[in-house]
């Protein structure tokens, strides 16, 4: 199994301050349309195909892989992506919280396996290394906040 986590401060010194509501709006928008947040060409399709009071379902093509995800929203707190189809199985979470000092933090964590691959085999170990690398999910969190700041500055959030 792959377990990875990363946490970053939402408002590091020198950055335009974001409120919890602004970060939440960015996270929800990213859940609904990842194309707005991922590098150009990485996500070529992202459609919400079902919606209910408790969740929505999105189908996407990310890095050439076809995905179907069940997404739950806990307003201004947590977005959970359950991997229904695609190369991975398990859950990916983006959580927004305040630390002991009252500073807003954005945390990513996941617990995943790779469908059709040997548990803890070379493919899972490679994926684990990628998630934990400087280009992994910490970079994705930083990118999400950067894009959220851009959308706030443009008056779109």
Protein backbone atom coordinates (compact mmCIF):
# COMPACT_ATOMS: atom_id res chain seq x y z
CA UNK A 1 0.00 0.00 0.00
CA UNK A 2 1.00 3.56 -0.61
CA UNK A 3 0.66 6.04 2.22
CA UNK A 4 1.83 9.58 1.67
CA UNK A 5 1.25 12.86 3.44
CA UNK A 6 2.35 16.47 3.10
CA UNK A 7 1.31 19.63 4.94
CA UNK A 8 2.00 23.25 4.02
CA UNK A 9 1.04 26.58 5.59
CA UNK A 10 -1.66 28.36 3.62
CA UNK A 11 -0.29 31.82 4.36
CA UNK A 12 3.51 31.77 4.49
CA UNK A 13 5.25 35.09 4.95
CA UNK A 14 5.43 37.10 1.75
CA UNK A 15 2.32 35.56 0.14
CA UNK A 16 -1.06 37.21 -0.29
CA UNK A 17 -3.23 36.02 2.60
CA UNK A 18 -6.06 33.64 1.79
CA UNK A 19 -9.08 33.08 4.02
CA UNK A 20 -10.41 29.64 4.82
CA UNK A 21 -13.40 30.39 2.57
CA UNK A 22 -11.14 31.32 -0.36
CA UNK A 23 -9.00 28.19 0.01
CA UNK A 24 -12.15 26.10 0.31
CA UNK A 25 -13.57 27.64 -2.87
CA UNK A 26 -10.33 26.73 -4.66
CA UNK A 27 -10.39 23.15 -3.35
CA UNK A 28 -14.00 22.66 -4.38
CA UNK A 29 -13.36 24.12 -7.82
CA UNK A 30 -10.33 21.83 -8.23
CA UNK A 31 -12.48 18.83 -7.28
CA UNK A 32 -15.03 19.77 -9.92
CA UNK A 33 -12.56 20.64 -12.69
CA UNK A 34 -8.94 19.62 -12.20
CA UNK A 35 -7.98 21.11 -15.58
CA UNK A 36 -7.94 24.57 -14.00
CA UNK A 37 -5.27 23.52 -11.48
CA UNK A 38 -3.05 20.95 -13.18
CA UNK A 39 -0.25 21.72 -15.66
CA UNK A 40 -1.57 22.29 -19.21
CA UNK A 41 -2.29 19.04 -21.02
CA UNK A 42 -2.04 16.80 -17.93
CA UNK A 43 -5.82 16.65 -17.47
CA UNK A 44 -7.60 16.53 -20.81
CA UNK A 45 -11.13 15.78 -19.54
CA UNK A 46 -12.85 16.39 -16.21
CA UNK A 47 -16.64 16.12 -16.00
CA UNK A 48 -19.03 15.87 -13.06
CA UNK A 49 -21.41 13.12 -14.20
CA UNK A 50 -23.52 12.58 -11.07
CA UNK A 51 -24.39 14.72 -8.09
CA UNK A 52 -26.27 14.09 -4.85
CA UNK A 53 -26.63 15.71 -1.43
CA UNK A 54 -23.66 13.73 -0.08
CA UNK A 55 -21.23 13.42 -2.99
CA UNK A 56 -20.57 13.85 -6.67
CA UNK A 57 -18.90 11.64 -9.25
CA UNK A 58 -16.35 12.93 -11.69
CA UNK A 59 -14.83 11.22 -14.70
CA UNK A 60 -11.48 12.48 -15.86
CA UNK A 61 -8.52 11.71 -18.05
CA UNK A 62 -5.35 12.59 -16.15
CA UNK A 63 -1.90 11.72 -17.50
CA UNK A 64 -3.63 9.49 -20.06
CA UNK A 65 -5.43 7.42 -17.40
CA UNK A 66 -9.22 7.20 -17.35
CA UNK A 67 -10.53 7.80 -13.80
CA UNK A 68 -13.87 7.71 -12.06
CA UNK A 69 -13.86 9.26 -8.61
CA UNK A 70 -16.52 9.59 -5.95
CA UNK A 71 -15.88 12.90 -4.22
CA UNK A 72 -17.20 13.96 -0.83
CA UNK A 73 -17.03 17.49 0.52
CA UNK A 74 -16.95 18.43 4.19
CA UNK A 75 -17.43 22.20 3.78
CA UNK A 76 -14.36 24.30 4.57
CA UNK A 77 -12.67 21.21 6.05
CA UNK A 78 -12.02 18.26 3.73
CA UNK A 79 -12.31 16.95 0.17
CA UNK A 80 -12.02 13.17 -0.24
CA UNK A 81 -11.46 11.51 -3.61
CA UNK A 82 -12.39 7.82 -3.61
CA UNK A 83 -10.80 6.05 -6.57
CA UNK A 84 -13.68 4.07 -8.11
CA UNK A 85 -11.88 3.19 -11.37
CA UNK A 86 -8.46 3.85 -12.80
CA UNK A 87 -4.96 2.67 -11.99
CA UNK A 88 -5.30 3.35 -8.25
CA UNK A 89 -7.70 2.20 -5.56
CA UNK A 90 -8.18 3.88 -2.22
CA UNK A 91 -8.64 7.48 -1.10
CA UNK A 92 -6.91 10.82 -1.51
CA UNK A 93 -7.74 13.61 0.97
CA UNK A 94 -7.14 17.35 1.00
CA UNK A 95 -7.78 18.74 4.50
CA UNK A 96 -7.87 22.35 5.65
CA UNK A 97 -7.28 23.00 9.35
CA UNK A 98 -5.75 25.39 11.86
CA UNK A 99 -2.64 24.32 13.76
CA UNK A 100 -2.00 24.94 17.48
CA UNK A 101 -0.95 28.54 16.74
CA UNK A 102 -4.16 29.20 14.79
CA UNK A 103 -2.41 29.25 11.40
CA UNK A 104 -4.28 27.75 8.46
CA UNK A 105 -2.68 24.58 7.05
CA UNK A 106 -3.42 22.50 3.94
CA UNK A 107 -2.72 18.79 4.28
CA UNK A 108 -2.70 16.06 1.66
CA UNK A 109 -2.79 12.41 2.57
CA UNK A 110 -3.58 9.23 0.71
CA UNK A 111 -3.88 5.52 1.26
CA UNK A 112 -3.76 3.78 -2.10
CA UNK A 113 -2.98 0.57 -3.89
CA UNK A 114 -2.34 -0.02 -7.57
CA UNK A 115 -4.94 -2.17 -9.30
CA UNK A 116 -3.51 -5.35 -10.79
CA UNK A 117 -0.05 -4.79 -9.31
CA UNK A 118 1.80 -6.72 -6.63
CA UNK A 119 1.27 -5.18 -3.17
CA UNK A 120 4.47 -3.40 -2.14
CA UNK A 121 5.94 -4.41 -5.49
CA UNK A 122 8.23 -2.29 -7.63
CA UNK A 123 5.35 -0.26 -9.15
CA UNK A 124 3.93 0.67 -5.74
CA UNK A 125 7.38 1.51 -4.38
CA UNK A 126 8.02 3.76 -7.40
CA UNK A 127 4.65 5.48 -6.91
CA UNK A 128 5.40 5.94 -3.21
CA UNK A 129 8.74 7.55 -4.05
CA UNK A 130 7.05 9.89 -6.55
CA UNK A 131 4.36 10.95 -4.04
CA UNK A 132 7.02 11.66 -1.40
CA UNK A 133 9.40 13.49 -3.75
CA UNK A 134 9.83 17.25 -4.15
CA UNK A 135 7.67 16.96 -7.31
CA UNK A 136 4.96 14.96 -5.51
CA UNK A 137 1.95 16.04 -3.57
CA UNK A 138 3.68 18.82 -1.64
CA UNK A 139 4.31 20.47 -5.01
CA UNK A 140 0.64 19.86 -5.90
CA UNK A 141 -0.47 21.62 -2.71
CA UNK A 142 1.76 24.60 -3.45
CA UNK A 143 0.42 24.72 -7.01
CA UNK A 144 -3.18 24.57 -5.76
CA UNK A 145 -2.61 27.55 -3.45
CA UNK A 146 -0.77 29.47 -6.19
CA UNK A 147 -3.68 28.94 -8.61
CA UNK A 148 -6.20 29.84 -5.89
CA UNK A 149 -4.35 33.13 -5.29
CA UNK A 150 -4.44 33.84 -9.05
CA UNK A 151 -8.20 33.17 -9.21
CA UNK A 152 -8.80 35.40 -6.16
CA UNK A 153 -6.73 38.20 -7.75
CA UNK A 154 -8.74 37.83 -10.98
CA UNK A 155 -11.99 38.10 -9.00
CA UNK A 156 -13.03 34.57 -9.99
CA UNK A 157 -13.10 33.18 -6.41
